[in-house]
């Protein structure tokens, strides 16, 4: 019987782990330097946490099960509800603002396709306990910082900003009752993803008149906030929401991240809990799925039994990001499994070679050697296959002059160094 991995789930061979670790290390490095601290939650949560709090889109994508006690559980499809639950559990003990990040493994029962699997690693960055525009801007800045960290220029990837509260204000401005907003937001989020006729039909089914559809469409197509407000006509609420989004974008400009950020009122976000600024990151060609998405979710902690507390943040998956990095040539060309490969030129020198291996490893150098006692030529071939940058040859010169040979495997160049200076030479 032949076995394969489960549909939509990945095997990570060593060369795949190089990419996975490169991404995760960058996520962690950027998070820490932007002042976020790491946390983690459980893989399994009670199903109700997602059923009630994340909206129908996420609930339909759950891997769920019932345990032996009859409790309904789900593998986490995202981390934000877990974050809210954890913060609520210690709300009086945690200093604010809470700046946390995590890199969980999450699962969604989606149809696998390019850029989307049923499992992925997701970088989550959140600020809880602040209503300030600076909190939103800091999360977006951290996202832009990550793009730059991985070598993606503004010409290659962008963060597209919008506002859920501005869009609901726009709906009210064209005469749509507040009670219908929740049903219309997912439709507006699909406007760029379906034919115009299908979009208009979905809006009409929710009771929008042709004039209202045209007004909202014109609003979403606006290139600037001033233009968006003008297309709706006078509205104090729209003006106030435009000012809030403009404040966030102004902070990003002053922080030097403005080149990565662009207004796009087509961004609505599908999850039910967003309340304010929302954003998505894409490659500039829009040839891939979203790289990241997030926004403000001020009501989520309260709906989970906690206090009313400002919250904002985003998530970024590893799959689409890995594809983009590969397409743009941002990944390492080879996977080095070790820094150096130690070779004994004669069997009588094997014990000395073992001593060299141990010393190099204690010094933090990734070091390998052959398990078989082979001639020099075969060991050099094994060294080349290992991906090591250099071979350290322990030969007769060790006993004669206290020296070993360092051979650069890519060029064949070699030099002799004093045994006592070997670590320093390799770390130069």
Protein backbone atom coordinates (compact mmCIF):
# COMPACT_ATOMS: atom_id res chain seq x y z
CA UNK A 1 0.00 0.00 0.00
CA UNK A 2 1.29 3.43 -0.93
CA UNK A 3 0.68 6.43 1.30
CA UNK A 4 0.72 10.11 0.50
CA UNK A 5 0.21 13.25 2.55
CA UNK A 6 -3.36 14.35 3.23
CA UNK A 7 -4.79 16.61 0.53
CA UNK A 8 -3.93 20.22 1.25
CA UNK A 9 -1.27 19.36 3.85
CA UNK A 10 2.45 19.74 3.18
CA UNK A 11 5.60 17.72 3.70
CA UNK A 12 8.61 19.86 4.56
CA UNK A 13 11.81 18.36 3.17
CA UNK A 14 15.10 19.96 4.30
CA UNK A 15 15.14 22.38 1.35
CA UNK A 16 11.55 23.36 2.19
CA UNK A 17 12.50 23.95 5.81
CA UNK A 18 15.10 26.47 4.66
CA UNK A 19 12.30 28.60 3.20
CA UNK A 20 9.96 28.02 6.13
CA UNK A 21 12.63 29.00 8.65
CA UNK A 22 13.75 32.00 6.60
CA UNK A 23 10.18 33.34 6.71
CA UNK A 24 9.57 32.49 10.38
CA UNK A 25 12.92 33.97 11.44
CA UNK A 26 12.12 37.20 9.58
CA UNK A 27 8.66 37.33 11.19
CA UNK A 28 10.15 36.91 14.65
CA UNK A 29 13.04 39.33 14.04
CA UNK A 30 10.76 42.10 12.74
CA UNK A 31 8.21 41.58 15.53
CA UNK A 32 10.79 41.85 18.28
CA UNK A 33 12.45 44.96 16.91
CA UNK A 34 9.06 46.64 16.66
CA UNK A 35 8.41 46.00 20.34
CA UNK A 36 6.09 42.97 20.19
CA UNK A 37 6.45 39.95 22.50
CA UNK A 38 5.64 36.36 21.56
CA UNK A 39 2.78 34.21 22.82
CA UNK A 40 1.10 30.97 21.72
CA UNK A 41 -2.29 29.35 22.19
CA UNK A 42 -3.64 25.79 21.88
CA UNK A 43 -4.25 24.11 18.54
CA UNK A 44 -7.74 23.01 19.68
CA UNK A 45 -10.43 25.42 20.86
CA UNK A 46 -14.12 25.01 21.67
CA UNK A 47 -16.09 25.25 18.44
CA UNK A 48 -18.32 27.99 19.84
CA UNK A 49 -15.36 30.37 20.03
CA UNK A 50 -15.27 30.43 16.23
CA UNK A 51 -18.94 29.70 15.55
CA UNK A 52 -20.08 32.82 17.38
CA UNK A 53 -17.17 35.19 16.96
CA UNK A 54 -15.59 34.80 13.51
CA UNK A 55 -18.53 34.81 11.11
CA UNK A 56 -19.92 32.25 8.70
CA UNK A 57 -16.95 32.38 6.32
CA UNK A 58 -14.50 31.02 8.89
CA UNK A 59 -16.98 28.58 10.48
CA UNK A 60 -17.58 26.95 7.09
CA UNK A 61 -13.83 26.32 6.85
CA UNK A 62 -13.37 24.58 10.20
CA UNK A 63 -11.90 21.16 10.88
CA UNK A 64 -14.12 20.21 13.82
CA UNK A 65 -14.56 17.14 16.02
CA UNK A 66 -16.42 15.94 19.07
CA UNK A 67 -14.32 14.60 21.94
CA UNK A 68 -15.19 11.63 24.15
CA UNK A 69 -17.03 13.90 26.54
CA UNK A 70 -19.31 15.13 23.77
CA UNK A 71 -17.68 18.56 23.58
CA UNK A 72 -17.49 20.20 20.14
CA UNK A 73 -13.93 21.26 19.31
CA UNK A 74 -12.20 22.81 16.31
CA UNK A 75 -8.64 23.06 15.07
CA UNK A 76 -7.93 26.78 15.05
CA UNK A 77 -8.51 28.36 11.62
CA UNK A 78 -7.07 31.67 12.83
CA UNK A 79 -5.53 33.06 16.01
CA UNK A 80 -7.41 36.29 16.79
CA UNK A 81 -10.30 34.73 18.79
CA UNK A 82 -7.73 32.75 20.81
CA UNK A 83 -5.83 35.97 21.47
CA UNK A 84 -9.00 37.69 22.67
CA UNK A 85 -9.86 34.76 24.95
CA UNK A 86 -6.36 34.70 26.46
CA UNK A 87 -6.28 38.45 27.05
CA UNK A 88 -9.72 38.36 28.68
CA UNK A 89 -8.51 35.63 31.04
CA UNK A 90 -5.82 37.94 32.48
CA UNK A 91 -7.24 41.33 31.57
CA UNK A 92 -6.56 42.94 34.96
CA UNK A 93 -2.97 41.70 35.20
CA UNK A 94 -1.68 42.60 31.73
CA UNK A 95 -0.02 46.01 31.27
CA UNK A 96 -1.45 48.03 28.38
CA UNK A 97 -1.08 48.44 25.53
CA UNK A 98 -0.62 44.72 24.96
CA UNK A 99 1.72 44.20 21.99
CA UNK A 100 1.83 40.50 21.16
CA UNK A 101 2.79 38.39 18.18
CA UNK A 102 2.55 34.67 17.39
CA UNK A 103 3.39 32.23 14.60
CA UNK A 104 0.77 29.47 14.97
CA UNK A 105 0.00 26.52 12.71
CA UNK A 106 -3.63 26.87 11.58
CA UNK A 107 -6.00 24.75 9.47
CA UNK A 108 -8.92 25.57 7.20
CA UNK A 109 -11.04 23.07 5.27
CA UNK A 110 -10.75 25.01 2.03
CA UNK A 111 -10.35 23.76 -1.52
CA UNK A 112 -6.56 23.63 -2.07
CA UNK A 113 -5.25 25.71 -4.94
CA UNK A 114 -2.18 27.78 -5.78
CA UNK A 115 -1.37 29.91 -2.77
CA UNK A 116 -3.93 28.22 -0.53
CA UNK A 117 -3.62 24.99 1.42
CA UNK A 118 -5.56 23.42 4.25
CA UNK A 119 -2.78 24.17 6.70
CA UNK A 120 -0.31 27.01 6.95
CA UNK A 121 1.77 29.01 9.35
CA UNK A 122 0.40 32.45 10.13
CA UNK A 123 2.20 35.46 11.55
CA UNK A 124 -0.13 37.41 13.86
CA UNK A 125 0.71 40.89 15.15
CA UNK A 126 -1.72 42.68 17.48
CA UNK A 127 -2.02 45.72 19.74
CA UNK A 128 -4.74 45.56 22.41
CA UNK A 129 -5.74 48.32 24.79
CA UNK A 130 -5.42 51.36 22.55
CA UNK A 131 -7.88 53.30 20.41
CA UNK A 132 -5.09 55.46 18.98
CA UNK A 133 -4.49 55.73 15.26
CA UNK A 134 -0.82 55.15 16.11
CA UNK A 135 -1.65 51.58 17.17
CA UNK A 136 -3.15 50.84 13.74
CA UNK A 137 -0.22 52.57 12.05
CA UNK A 138 2.33 50.62 14.08
CA UNK A 139 0.84 47.29 12.99
CA UNK A 140 0.83 48.40 9.35
CA UNK A 141 4.38 49.74 9.71
CA UNK A 142 5.47 46.34 11.07
CA UNK A 143 3.93 44.66 8.02
CA UNK A 144 5.74 47.06 5.68
CA UNK A 145 8.95 46.51 7.67
CA UNK A 146 8.64 42.77 7.03
CA UNK A 147 8.27 43.30 3.28
CA UNK A 148 11.44 45.40 3.30
CA UNK A 149 13.25 42.89 5.52
CA UNK A 150 12.66 40.15 2.94
CA UNK A 151 13.87 42.35 0.10
CA UNK A 152 10.45 43.15 -1.37
CA UNK A 153 10.44 46.74 -2.61
CA UNK A 154 7.31 48.95 -2.83
CA UNK A 155 7.33 48.20 -6.56
CA UNK A 156 6.89 44.49 -5.70
CA UNK A 157 4.42 44.48 -2.79
CA UNK A 158 1.96 47.00 -1.34
CA UNK A 159 -0.39 47.36 1.63
CA UNK A 160 -3.86 48.54 0.52
CA UNK A 161 -5.74 50.49 3.20
CA UNK A 162 -9.45 51.04 3.77
CA UNK A 163 -11.87 51.38 6.68
CA UNK A 164 -14.83 49.22 7.65
CA UNK A 165 -16.36 52.10 9.62
CA UNK A 166 -15.93 54.45 6.64
CA UNK A 167 -17.67 51.95 4.37
CA UNK A 168 -20.60 51.55 6.77
CA UNK A 169 -20.81 55.35 6.98
CA UNK A 170 -20.93 55.42 3.18
CA UNK A 171 -23.77 52.88 3.17
CA UNK A 172 -25.72 55.05 5.59
CA UNK A 173 -24.97 58.12 3.49
CA UNK A 174 -26.68 56.55 0.46
CA UNK A 175 -29.71 55.54 2.52
CA UNK A 176 -28.97 51.94 3.52
CA UNK A 177 -30.37 51.00 6.94
CA UNK A 178 -27.85 49.97 9.59
CA UNK A 179 -29.60 46.60 9.99
CA UNK A 180 -28.58 45.67 6.43
CA UNK A 181 -24.90 46.59 6.71
CA UNK A 182 -23.73 43.21 8.01
CA UNK A 183 -25.20 41.37 5.03
CA UNK A 184 -23.81 43.88 2.52
CA UNK A 185 -20.20 44.06 3.76
CA UNK A 186 -19.22 40.57 2.51
CA UNK A 187 -20.77 41.45 -0.85
CA UNK A 188 -18.77 44.68 -1.10
CA UNK A 189 -15.66 42.67 -0.23
CA UNK A 190 -16.30 40.49 -3.30
CA UNK A 191 -16.70 43.38 -5.75
CA UNK A 192 -13.26 42.91 -7.34
CA UNK A 193 -13.61 39.12 -7.30
CA UNK A 194 -16.84 38.62 -9.27
CA UNK A 195 -18.23 40.00 -12.56
CA UNK A 196 -19.98 43.38 -12.32
CA UNK A 197 -23.34 41.82 -13.16
CA UNK A 198 -23.01 39.28 -10.37
CA UNK A 199 -22.05 42.00 -7.88
CA UNK A 200 -25.04 44.15 -8.83
CA UNK A 201 -27.35 41.15 -8.58
CA UNK A 202 -26.11 40.30 -5.07
CA UNK A 203 -26.60 43.92 -3.97
CA UNK A 204 -30.10 44.01 -5.46
CA UNK A 205 -31.04 40.83 -3.57
CA UNK A 206 -30.14 42.66 -0.35
CA UNK A 207 -32.51 45.47 -1.29
CA UNK A 208 -30.18 48.07 -2.80
CA UNK A 209 -31.61 50.23 -5.56
CA UNK A 210 -29.65 50.81 -8.75
CA UNK A 211 -28.77 54.35 -7.68
CA UNK A 212 -27.42 53.14 -4.33
CA UNK A 213 -25.30 50.49 -6.04
CA UNK A 214 -23.89 53.10 -8.41
CA UNK A 215 -23.11 55.51 -5.55
CA UNK A 216 -21.33 52.89 -3.45
CA UNK A 217 -19.39 51.66 -6.49
CA UNK A 218 -18.27 55.20 -7.31
CA UNK A 219 -17.23 55.67 -3.67
CA UNK A 220 -15.14 52.48 -3.69
CA UNK A 221 -13.46 53.49 -6.96
CA UNK A 222 -12.23 56.83 -5.56
CA UNK A 223 -8.46 57.33 -5.69
CA UNK A 224 -8.33 59.69 -2.68
CA UNK A 225 -10.30 60.18 0.52
CA UNK A 226 -11.33 63.65 -0.62
CA UNK A 227 -12.73 62.22 -3.83
CA UNK A 228 -14.51 59.43 -1.94
CA UNK A 229 -16.24 61.89 0.37
CA UNK A 230 -17.20 64.18 -2.50
CA UNK A 231 -18.88 61.33 -4.39
CA UNK A 232 -21.23 60.71 -1.45
CA UNK A 233 -22.23 64.28 -0.81
CA UNK A 234 -22.22 66.10 2.56
CA UNK A 235 -21.99 63.75 5.56
CA UNK A 236 -20.41 64.56 8.93
CA UNK A 237 -19.98 60.85 9.69
CA UNK A 238 -18.21 60.15 6.40
CA UNK A 239 -15.97 63.19 6.94
CA UNK A 240 -15.05 62.01 10.45
CA UNK A 241 -14.23 58.49 9.25
CA UNK A 242 -12.15 59.87 6.36
CA UNK A 243 -10.20 61.94 8.89
CA UNK A 244 -9.47 58.85 11.00
CA UNK A 245 -8.10 56.92 8.04
CA UNK A 246 -6.14 59.96 6.86
CA UNK A 247 -4.52 60.17 10.30
CA UNK A 248 -3.29 56.57 10.05
CA UNK A 249 -1.91 57.14 6.56
CA UNK A 250 -0.23 60.37 7.68
CA UNK A 251 1.57 58.57 10.51
CA UNK A 252 2.80 55.93 8.07
CA UNK A 253 4.15 58.66 5.80
CA UNK A 254 6.03 60.24 8.70
CA UNK A 255 7.44 56.85 9.71
CA UNK A 256 8.83 56.35 6.21
CA UNK A 257 6.45 53.54 5.22
CA UNK A 258 4.22 55.61 2.94
CA UNK A 259 5.76 54.14 -0.22
CA UNK A 260 4.41 50.72 0.80
CA UNK A 261 0.86 51.97 1.51
CA UNK A 262 -2.00 52.90 -0.82
CA UNK A 263 -5.68 53.75 -0.38
CA UNK A 264 -8.08 51.12 -1.76
CA UNK A 265 -11.71 51.29 -0.63
CA UNK A 266 -12.45 47.95 -2.29
CA UNK A 267 -10.79 46.34 0.76
CA UNK A 268 -13.56 45.39 3.20
CA UNK A 269 -12.30 42.10 4.74
CA UNK A 270 -14.57 39.09 5.16
CA UNK A 271 -14.40 38.47 8.90
CA UNK A 272 -17.34 39.76 10.92
CA UNK A 273 -15.43 41.33 13.81
CA UNK A 274 -13.64 44.21 12.03
CA UNK A 275 -14.80 47.68 13.13
CA UNK A 276 -12.38 50.30 11.76
CA UNK A 277 -9.26 50.49 9.62
CA UNK A 278 -8.77 47.39 7.44
CA UNK A 279 -6.00 46.49 5.02
CA UNK A 280 -4.57 43.79 2.80
CA UNK A 281 -1.11 43.29 1.32
CA UNK A 282 -0.66 42.05 -2.25
CA UNK A 283 2.07 41.67 -4.81
CA UNK A 284 1.84 44.70 -7.08
CA UNK A 285 0.89 42.56 -10.09
CA UNK A 286 -2.08 41.14 -8.12
CA UNK A 287 -1.16 37.76 -9.59
CA UNK A 288 -1.37 36.01 -6.20
CA UNK A 289 -3.80 35.81 -3.31
CA UNK A 290 -3.44 38.32 -0.48
CA UNK A 291 -0.12 38.21 1.36
CA UNK A 292 -1.64 39.54 4.59
CA UNK A 293 -4.79 41.10 5.98
CA UNK A 294 -5.95 42.78 9.13
CA UNK A 295 -7.58 45.74 10.79
CA UNK A 296 -9.23 47.09 13.92
CA UNK A 297 -11.57 44.83 15.93
CA UNK A 298 -12.68 46.87 18.95
CA UNK A 299 -15.70 44.73 19.90
CA UNK A 300 -14.21 41.25 19.92
CA UNK A 301 -13.03 41.14 23.54
CA UNK A 302 -16.40 42.42 24.73
CA UNK A 303 -18.33 39.78 22.79
CA UNK A 304 -16.20 37.14 24.50
CA UNK A 305 -17.21 38.42 27.92
CA UNK A 306 -14.42 40.93 28.43
CA UNK A 307 -14.30 44.72 28.61
CA UNK A 308 -14.73 47.17 25.77
CA UNK A 309 -11.14 47.56 24.67
CA UNK A 310 -9.52 48.85 21.50
CA UNK A 311 -7.74 46.18 19.46
CA UNK A 312 -6.01 46.06 16.08
CA UNK A 313 -3.74 43.68 14.20
CA UNK A 314 -3.09 41.50 11.17
CA UNK A 315 -2.20 38.01 9.99
CA UNK A 316 0.13 36.83 7.22
CA UNK A 317 0.41 33.26 5.93
CA UNK A 318 3.59 31.57 4.76
CA UNK A 319 2.32 29.97 1.51
CA UNK A 320 1.67 33.02 -0.69
CA UNK A 321 4.68 34.82 0.77
CA UNK A 322 6.92 31.86 -0.10
CA UNK A 323 5.62 31.81 -3.68
CA UNK A 324 6.25 35.54 -4.10
CA UNK A 325 9.77 35.33 -2.66
CA UNK A 326 10.57 32.47 -5.05
CA UNK A 327 9.15 34.32 -8.06
CA UNK A 328 11.12 37.46 -7.22
CA UNK A 329 14.39 35.59 -6.60
CA UNK A 330 14.51 36.45 -2.90
CA UNK A 331 15.23 32.92 -1.64
CA UNK A 332 18.67 31.34 -1.08
CA UNK A 333 19.93 29.49 -4.16
CA UNK A 334 21.19 26.54 -2.11
CA UNK A 335 20.43 25.03 1.25
CA UNK A 336 23.62 24.77 3.30
CA UNK A 337 23.19 22.00 5.83
CA UNK A 338 26.51 22.74 7.51
CA UNK A 339 29.29 25.31 7.66
CA UNK A 340 32.20 22.93 7.39
CA UNK A 341 32.98 19.28 6.75
CA UNK A 342 35.90 17.71 8.62
CA UNK A 343 38.01 15.16 6.74
CA UNK A 344 40.68 12.83 8.10
CA UNK A 345 43.39 12.31 5.49
CA UNK A 346 44.39 8.99 7.07
CA UNK A 347 42.67 6.58 9.43
CA UNK A 348 45.36 7.22 12.03
CA UNK A 349 44.19 10.85 12.18
CA UNK A 350 40.53 10.02 12.83
CA UNK A 351 40.72 10.65 16.58
CA UNK A 352 42.29 14.06 15.92
CA UNK A 353 39.54 14.80 13.39
CA UNK A 354 36.89 13.93 16.00
CA UNK A 355 38.49 16.47 18.33
CA UNK A 356 38.29 19.12 15.59
CA UNK A 357 34.61 18.28 14.97
CA UNK A 358 33.76 18.64 18.66
CA UNK A 359 35.61 21.95 18.99
CA UNK A 360 33.95 23.47 15.92
CA UNK A 361 30.50 22.41 17.10
CA UNK A 362 31.11 23.89 20.56
CA UNK A 363 32.07 27.12 18.79
CA UNK A 364 28.66 27.20 17.10
CA UNK A 365 29.77 26.07 13.65
CA UNK A 366 27.53 23.52 11.92
CA UNK A 367 29.94 20.67 11.33
CA UNK A 368 29.69 17.25 9.69
CA UNK A 369 31.98 14.33 8.92
CA UNK A 370 31.81 10.98 7.16
CA UNK A 371 30.56 7.98 9.12
CA UNK A 372 32.73 5.76 6.93
CA UNK A 373 36.51 5.72 6.88
CA UNK A 374 37.14 6.58 3.24
CA UNK A 375 39.99 7.93 1.19
CA UNK A 376 40.49 11.68 0.83
CA UNK A 377 38.83 11.92 -2.60
CA UNK A 378 35.62 10.23 -1.51
CA UNK A 379 35.41 12.38 1.60
CA UNK A 380 35.84 15.54 -0.50
CA UNK A 381 32.97 14.42 -2.74
CA UNK A 382 30.84 13.82 0.36
CA UNK A 383 31.78 17.29 1.61
CA UNK A 384 30.63 18.85 -1.66
CA UNK A 385 27.32 16.97 -1.50
CA UNK A 386 26.75 18.13 2.08
CA UNK A 387 26.40 21.76 1.05
CA UNK A 388 29.25 22.83 3.32
CA UNK A 389 31.15 25.97 2.39
CA UNK A 390 34.54 24.60 3.40
CA UNK A 391 36.28 21.34 4.21
CA UNK A 392 38.74 21.12 7.08
CA UNK A 393 41.36 18.50 6.23
CA UNK A 394 43.20 16.94 9.15
CA UNK A 395 46.41 15.60 7.59
CA UNK A 396 50.01 14.83 8.47
CA UNK A 397 50.73 18.56 8.74
CA UNK A 398 48.86 18.46 12.07
CA UNK A 399 51.52 16.29 13.69
CA UNK A 400 54.38 17.86 11.75
CA UNK A 401 53.55 21.56 12.15
CA UNK A 402 50.38 21.80 14.23
CA UNK A 403 48.38 22.91 11.19
CA UNK A 404 45.25 21.87 9.31
CA UNK A 405 44.05 22.69 5.78
CA UNK A 406 40.94 24.73 4.97
CA UNK A 407 39.59 24.05 1.47
CA UNK A 408 36.92 26.31 -0.07
CA UNK A 409 34.70 23.81 -1.85
CA UNK A 410 33.21 26.19 -4.41
CA UNK A 411 36.59 27.32 -5.79
CA UNK A 412 39.02 24.62 -4.72
CA UNK A 413 41.26 27.20 -3.03
CA UNK A 414 42.97 25.97 0.10
CA UNK A 415 45.22 27.31 2.82
CA UNK A 416 46.97 25.96 5.89
CA UNK A 417 46.28 27.48 9.30
CA UNK A 418 47.48 26.79 12.80
CA UNK A 419 45.25 24.30 14.57
CA UNK A 420 44.86 26.72 17.48
CA UNK A 421 43.59 29.45 15.11
CA UNK A 422 41.09 27.26 13.22
CA UNK A 423 37.90 28.52 14.86
CA UNK A 424 38.91 32.16 14.47
CA UNK A 425 39.81 31.59 10.80
CA UNK A 426 36.49 29.92 10.02
CA UNK A 427 34.53 32.68 11.75
CA UNK A 428 36.29 35.51 9.92
